[in-house]
């Protein structure tokens, strides 16, 4: 299991634990899971936030 999978799993578990029950909890777990997924991708080096934020290395 790489950092992307770990981040996604951790985000989903924390989101579900933080808000159990209802449609609101589903969306909260979905958002927290997506954040965990993005953090995992960054830690794996598969996503470069500098490119997304407009801070390229070409300066």
C-alpha atoms as a PDB file:
ATOM      1  CA  UNK A   1       0.000   0.000   0.000  1.00  0.00           C
ATOM      2  CA  UNK A   2       1.571   3.268  -1.094  1.00  0.00           C
ATOM      3  CA  UNK A   3       1.089   6.729   0.387  1.00  0.00           C
ATOM      4  CA  UNK A   4      -1.803   7.505  -1.984  1.00  0.00           C
ATOM      5  CA  UNK A   5      -3.810   4.522  -0.799  1.00  0.00           C
ATOM      6  CA  UNK A   6      -2.887   5.184   2.822  1.00  0.00           C
ATOM      7  CA  UNK A   7      -3.925   8.824   2.578  1.00  0.00           C
ATOM      8  CA  UNK A   8      -7.218   7.941   0.936  1.00  0.00           C
ATOM      9  CA  UNK A   9      -7.983   5.280   3.520  1.00  0.00           C
ATOM     10  CA  UNK A  10      -7.044   7.545   6.423  1.00  0.00           C
ATOM     11  CA  UNK A  11      -9.166  10.385   5.077  1.00  0.00           C
ATOM     12  CA  UNK A  12     -12.187   8.160   4.621  1.00  0.00           C
ATOM     13  CA  UNK A  13     -11.868   6.619   8.067  1.00  0.00           C
ATOM     14  CA  UNK A  14     -11.380   9.975   9.789  1.00  0.00           C
ATOM     15  CA  UNK A  15     -14.270  11.508   7.891  1.00  0.00           C
ATOM     16  CA  UNK A  16     -16.594   8.655   8.783  1.00  0.00           C
ATOM     17  CA  UNK A  17     -15.492   8.711  12.419  1.00  0.00           C
ATOM     18  CA  UNK A  18     -15.912  12.482  12.692  1.00  0.00           C
ATOM     19  CA  UNK A  19     -19.473  12.584  11.393  1.00  0.00           C
ATOM     20  CA  UNK A  20     -21.446   9.366  11.584  1.00  0.00           C
ATOM     21  CA  UNK A  21     -24.902   9.302  10.086  1.00  0.00           C
ATOM     22  CA  UNK A  22     -26.898  10.965   7.344  1.00  0.00           C
ATOM     23  CA  UNK A  23     -26.224  12.463   3.943  1.00  0.00           C
ATOM     24  CA  UNK A  24     -24.067  15.212   5.447  1.00  0.00           C
ATOM     25  CA  UNK A  25     -21.717  12.616   6.897  1.00  0.00           C
ATOM     26  CA  UNK A  26     -21.442  10.965   3.492  1.00  0.00           C
ATOM     27  CA  UNK A  27     -20.383  14.213   1.839  1.00  0.00           C
ATOM     28  CA  UNK A  28     -17.990  15.049   4.679  1.00  0.00           C
ATOM     29  CA  UNK A  29     -16.328  11.629   4.360  1.00  0.00           C
ATOM     30  CA  UNK A  30     -16.143  12.119   0.593  1.00  0.00           C
ATOM     31  CA  UNK A  31     -14.423  15.510   0.944  1.00  0.00           C
ATOM     32  CA  UNK A  32     -12.024  14.343   3.642  1.00  0.00           C
ATOM     33  CA  UNK A  33     -11.230  11.247   1.564  1.00  0.00           C
ATOM     34  CA  UNK A  34     -10.470  13.409  -1.468  1.00  0.00           C
ATOM     35  CA  UNK A  35      -8.160  15.586   0.630  1.00  0.00           C
ATOM     36  CA  UNK A  36      -6.395  12.473   1.907  1.00  0.00           C
ATOM     37  CA  UNK A  37      -6.055  11.203  -1.644  1.00  0.00           C
ATOM     38  CA  UNK A  38      -4.461  14.461  -2.817  1.00  0.00           C
ATOM     39  CA  UNK A  39      -2.063  14.522   0.144  1.00  0.00           C
ATOM     40  CA  UNK A  40      -1.086  10.931  -0.614  1.00  0.00           C
ATOM     41  CA  UNK A  41      -0.435  11.760  -4.269  1.00  0.00           C
ATOM     42  CA  UNK A  42       1.782  14.665  -3.228  1.00  0.00           C
ATOM     43  CA  UNK A  43       3.724  12.432  -0.813  1.00  0.00           C
ATOM     44  CA  UNK A  44       4.182   9.833  -3.568  1.00  0.00           C
ATOM     45  CA  UNK A  45       5.528  12.536  -5.874  1.00  0.00           C
ATOM     46  CA  UNK A  46       2.789  11.909  -8.430  1.00  0.00           C
ATOM     47  CA  UNK A  47       1.249  15.360  -8.045  1.00  0.00           C
ATOM     48  CA  UNK A  48       3.258  18.587  -8.201  1.00  0.00           C
ATOM     49  CA  UNK A  49       1.441  21.387  -6.398  1.00  0.00           C
ATOM     50  CA  UNK A  50       3.875  23.984  -7.745  1.00  0.00           C
ATOM     51  CA  UNK A  51       2.570  23.350 -11.253  1.00  0.00           C
ATOM     52  CA  UNK A  52      -1.023  23.735 -10.056  1.00  0.00           C
ATOM     53  CA  UNK A  53      -0.340  26.894  -8.039  1.00  0.00           C
ATOM     54  CA  UNK A  54       1.547  28.594 -10.877  1.00  0.00           C
ATOM     55  CA  UNK A  55       4.919  28.496  -9.156  1.00  0.00           C
ATOM     56  CA  UNK A  56       6.940  26.745 -11.809  1.00  0.00           C
ATOM     57  CA  UNK A  57      10.642  26.023 -11.640  1.00  0.00           C
ATOM     58  CA  UNK A  58      11.383  28.111 -14.748  1.00  0.00           C
ATOM     59  CA  UNK A  59      12.070  31.353 -12.910  1.00  0.00           C
END
